[in-house]
C-alpha atoms as a PDB file:
ATOM      1  CA  MET A   1      -4.262  -4.455 -15.419  1.00  0.00           C
ATOM      2  CA  ASN A   2      -1.930  -7.279 -16.274  1.00  0.00           C
ATOM      3  CA  PHE A   3       1.599  -6.927 -14.838  1.00  0.00           C
ATOM      4  CA  SER A   4       3.145  -7.579 -18.258  1.00  0.00           C
ATOM      5  CA  THR A   5       1.184  -4.804 -20.026  1.00  0.00           C
ATOM      6  CA  THR A   6       3.574  -2.325 -21.625  1.00  0.00           C
ATOM      7  CA  GLN A   7       3.383   1.437 -21.847  1.00  0.00           C
ATOM      8  CA  SER A   8       3.004   1.272 -25.637  1.00  0.00           C
ATOM      9  CA  GLU A   9      -0.002  -1.093 -25.304  1.00  0.00           C
ATOM     10  CA  ILE A  10      -1.673   1.352 -22.915  1.00  0.00           C
ATOM     11  CA  GLU A  11      -0.917   4.278 -25.218  1.00  0.00           C
ATOM     12  CA  ALA A  12      -2.325   2.408 -28.221  1.00  0.00           C
ATOM     13  CA  LEU A  13      -5.604   1.631 -26.456  1.00  0.00           C
ATOM     14  CA  PHE A  14      -6.111   4.950 -24.663  1.00  0.00           C
ATOM     15  CA  SER A  15      -5.127   7.151 -27.624  1.00  0.00           C
ATOM     16  CA  GLN A  16      -8.492   6.181 -29.149  1.00  0.00           C
ATOM     17  CA  ALA A  17     -10.065   8.658 -26.722  1.00  0.00           C
ATOM     18  CA  GLY A  18      -7.749  11.597 -27.454  1.00  0.00           C
ATOM     19  CA  ASP A  19      -4.213  12.991 -27.393  1.00  0.00           C
ATOM     20  CA  ILE A  20      -2.109  11.615 -24.542  1.00  0.00           C
ATOM     21  CA  VAL A  21       0.398  13.744 -22.635  1.00  0.00           C
ATOM     22  CA  GLU A  22       1.895  10.955 -20.508  1.00  0.00           C
ATOM     23  CA  VAL A  23       1.419   7.351 -19.412  1.00  0.00           C
ATOM     24  CA  PHE A  24       2.855   6.544 -15.984  1.00  0.00           C
ATOM     25  CA  ILE A  25       3.058   2.972 -14.657  1.00  0.00           C
ATOM     26  CA  PRO A  26       3.998   2.918 -10.941  1.00  0.00           C
ATOM     27  CA  THR A  27       6.415   0.172  -9.891  1.00  0.00           C
ATOM     28  CA  ASP A  28       7.026  -1.581  -6.598  1.00  0.00           C
ATOM     29  CA  ARG A  29       9.968  -0.076  -4.701  1.00  0.00           C
ATOM     30  CA  ASN A  30      11.405  -3.428  -3.693  1.00  0.00           C
ATOM     31  CA  SER A  31      10.890  -5.630  -6.734  1.00  0.00           C
ATOM     32  CA  GLY A  32      10.706  -3.025  -9.512  1.00  0.00           C
ATOM     33  CA  ARG A  33       7.656  -4.813 -10.955  1.00  0.00           C
ATOM     34  CA  PRO A  34       4.598  -2.843 -12.100  1.00  0.00           C
ATOM     35  CA  ARG A  35       1.951  -2.485  -9.383  1.00  0.00           C
ATOM     36  CA  GLY A  36      -0.966  -3.361 -11.668  1.00  0.00           C
ATOM     37  CA  PHE A  37      -2.312   0.082 -12.540  1.00  0.00           C
ATOM     38  CA  ALA A  38      -1.364   3.115 -14.601  1.00  0.00           C
ATOM     39  CA  PHE A  39      -2.111   6.817 -14.969  1.00  0.00           C
ATOM     40  CA  VAL A  40      -2.954   8.259 -18.384  1.00  0.00           C
ATOM     41  CA  GLU A  41      -2.867  12.035 -18.739  1.00  0.00           C
ATOM     42  CA  TYR A  42      -4.726  13.639 -21.631  1.00  0.00           C
ATOM     43  CA  THR A  43      -4.342  17.081 -23.186  1.00  0.00           C
ATOM     44  CA  GLU A  44      -8.059  17.758 -22.661  1.00  0.00           C
ATOM     45  CA  GLU A  45     -10.520  16.824 -19.925  1.00  0.00           C
ATOM     46  CA  SER A  46     -13.075  15.771 -22.516  1.00  0.00           C
ATOM     47  CA  ALA A  47     -10.680  13.057 -23.743  1.00  0.00           C
ATOM     48  CA  ALA A  48     -10.339  11.729 -20.197  1.00  0.00           C
ATOM     49  CA  ALA A  49     -14.122  11.628 -19.811  1.00  0.00           C
ATOM     50  CA  LYS A  50     -14.395   9.823 -23.145  1.00  0.00           C
ATOM     51  CA  ALA A  51     -11.778   7.255 -22.054  1.00  0.00           C
ATOM     52  CA  ILE A  52     -13.676   6.587 -18.826  1.00  0.00           C
ATOM     53  CA  GLU A  53     -16.938   6.157 -20.702  1.00  0.00           C
ATOM     54  CA  GLU A  54     -15.616   3.986 -23.548  1.00  0.00           C
ATOM     55  CA  LEU A  55     -12.758   1.977 -21.990  1.00  0.00           C
ATOM     56  CA  ASP A  56     -14.076   1.126 -18.529  1.00  0.00           C
ATOM     57  CA  GLY A  57     -14.703  -2.617 -18.482  1.00  0.00           C
ATOM     58  CA  GLN A  58     -12.725  -3.382 -21.645  1.00  0.00           C
ATOM     59  CA  GLU A  59     -10.083  -6.097 -21.627  1.00  0.00           C
ATOM     60  CA  LEU A  60      -6.347  -5.506 -22.025  1.00  0.00           C
ATOM     61  CA  GLY A  61      -3.826  -8.305 -21.667  1.00  0.00           C
ATOM     62  CA  GLY A  62      -6.471 -10.718 -20.437  1.00  0.00           C
ATOM     63  CA  ARG A  63      -7.615  -8.452 -17.591  1.00  0.00           C
ATOM     64  CA  GLN A  64     -10.716  -6.306 -17.367  1.00  0.00           C
ATOM     65  CA  LEU A  65      -9.830  -2.629 -16.978  1.00  0.00           C
ATOM     66  CA  ARG A  66     -11.371  -0.324 -14.407  1.00  0.00           C
ATOM     67  CA  VAL A  67     -10.992   3.192 -15.773  1.00  0.00           C
ATOM     68  CA  THR A  68     -11.720   6.019 -13.344  1.00  0.00           C
ATOM     69  CA  GLU A  69     -10.611   9.576 -12.724  1.00  0.00           C
ATOM     70  CA  ALA A  70      -7.509   9.776 -10.538  1.00  0.00           C
ATOM     71  CA  GLN A  71      -8.163  10.927  -6.978  1.00  0.00           C
ATOM     72  CA  ASP A  72      -5.725  12.810  -4.744  1.00  0.00           C
ATOM     73  CA  ARG A  73      -4.383  10.751  -1.887  1.00  0.00           C
ATOM     74  CA  PRO A  74      -5.692  11.743   1.513  1.00  0.00           C
ATOM     75  CA  PRO A  75      -2.931  13.302   3.650  1.00  0.00           C
ATOM     76  CA  ARG A  76      -1.081  10.818   5.836  1.00  0.00           C
ATOM     77  CA  ARG A  77      -1.685  11.143   9.537  1.00  0.00           C
ATOM     78  CA  PRO A  78       1.413  11.243  11.704  1.00  0.00           C
ATOM     79  CA  PRO A  79       1.576   8.324  14.141  1.00  0.00           C
ATOM     80  CA  SER A  80      -0.294   9.007  17.348  1.00  0.00           C
ATOM     81  CA  PHE A  81       1.173   7.563  20.514  1.00  0.00           C
ATOM     82  CA  SER A  82      -1.536   8.936  22.774  1.00  0.00           C
ATOM     83  CA  GLY A  83      -4.376   6.950  21.246  1.00  0.00           C
ATOM     84  CA  GLY A  84      -3.796   3.825  23.288  1.00  0.00           C
ATOM     85  CA  ASP A  85      -1.887   1.969  20.583  1.00  0.00           C
ATOM     86  CA  PHE A  86       1.220   1.660  22.752  1.00  0.00           C
ATOM     87  CA  PRO A  87       1.729   1.457  26.522  1.00  0.00           C
ATOM     88  CA  PRO A  88       2.934   4.626  28.231  1.00  0.00           C
ATOM     89  CA  PHE A  89       6.667   4.892  28.763  1.00  0.00           C
ATOM     90  CA  GLY A  90       7.909   3.462  32.051  1.00  0.00           C
ATOM     91  CA  SER A  91       4.902   1.273  32.634  1.00  0.00           C
ATOM     92  CA  GLY A  92       6.665  -1.920  31.611  1.00  0.00           C
ATOM     93  CA  GLY A  93       3.725  -2.900  29.450  1.00  0.00           C
ATOM     94  CA  GLY A  94       1.529  -3.357  32.486  1.00  0.00           C
ATOM     95  CA  GLY A  95      -0.698  -0.487  31.419  1.00  0.00           C
ATOM     96  CA  GLY A  96      -1.584   2.371  33.712  1.00  0.00           C
ATOM     97  CA  GLY A  97       1.361   1.832  36.059  1.00  0.00           C
ATOM     98  CA  GLY A  98      -0.955   1.534  39.067  1.00  0.00           C
ATOM     99  CA  GLY A  99       1.766   0.414  41.435  1.00  0.00           C
ATOM    100  CA  GLU A 100       1.109  -3.299  41.160  1.00  0.00           C
ATOM    101  CA  ARG A 101       4.348  -5.161  40.492  1.00  0.00           C
ATOM    102  CA  ARG A 102       4.328  -8.392  38.593  1.00  0.00           C
ATOM    103  CA  SER A 103       6.756 -11.084  39.566  1.00  0.00           C
ATOM    104  CA  LYS A 104       8.431 -13.287  37.012  1.00  0.00           C
ATOM    105  CA  PRO A 105       6.887 -16.706  36.605  1.00  0.00           C
ATOM    106  CA  LYS A 106       8.745 -19.639  38.082  1.00  0.00           C
ATOM    107  CA  GLY A 107      11.347 -20.955  35.687  1.00  0.00           C
ATOM    108  CA  SER A 108      12.346 -17.549  34.385  1.00  0.00           C
ATOM    109  CA  ARG A 109      14.735 -17.417  31.435  1.00  0.00           C
ATOM    110  CA  ARG A 110      17.775 -17.105  33.664  1.00  0.00           C
ATOM    111  CA  ASN A 111      16.921 -20.245  35.591  1.00  0.00           C
ATOM    112  CA  ILE A 112      16.187 -22.176  32.409  1.00  0.00           C
ATOM    113  CA  ARG A 113      19.528 -21.169  30.889  1.00  0.00           C
ATOM    114  CA  GLY A 114      21.299 -22.155  34.089  1.00  0.00           C
ATOM    115  CA  LYS A 115      19.666 -25.598  33.971  1.00  0.00           C
ATOM    116  CA  LYS A 116      20.572 -26.041  30.311  1.00  0.00           C
ATOM    117  CA  ARG A 117      24.219 -25.224  31.014  1.00  0.00           C
ATOM    118  CA  SER A 118      24.412 -27.713  33.852  1.00  0.00           C
ATOM    119  CA  LEU A 119      23.248 -30.658  31.740  1.00  0.00           C
END
């Protein structure tokens, strides 16, 4: 939906399908602007089904609406550090820690800084 669409505009359109309990427009945490979608809660399930059937594809504020039944969010997975996303601790990013030691390339940062200071 359009970012400038107001709650009263949504209520006016969606009340055609039945009695509304609540209209909720989520906003962005950082900017406070609407995120471009809304939740409309009806007193009866039949009103929600009617809204989906009649209002899906209609235009509001110059944007075509996609009206669907709200779905529960899937549970968030905790971050997994064993899945290969990050190198193991103590390996220095060399992966596996197989005993091979990498030497710094010639012109390491310390030598470059030393040269810059001497100029």
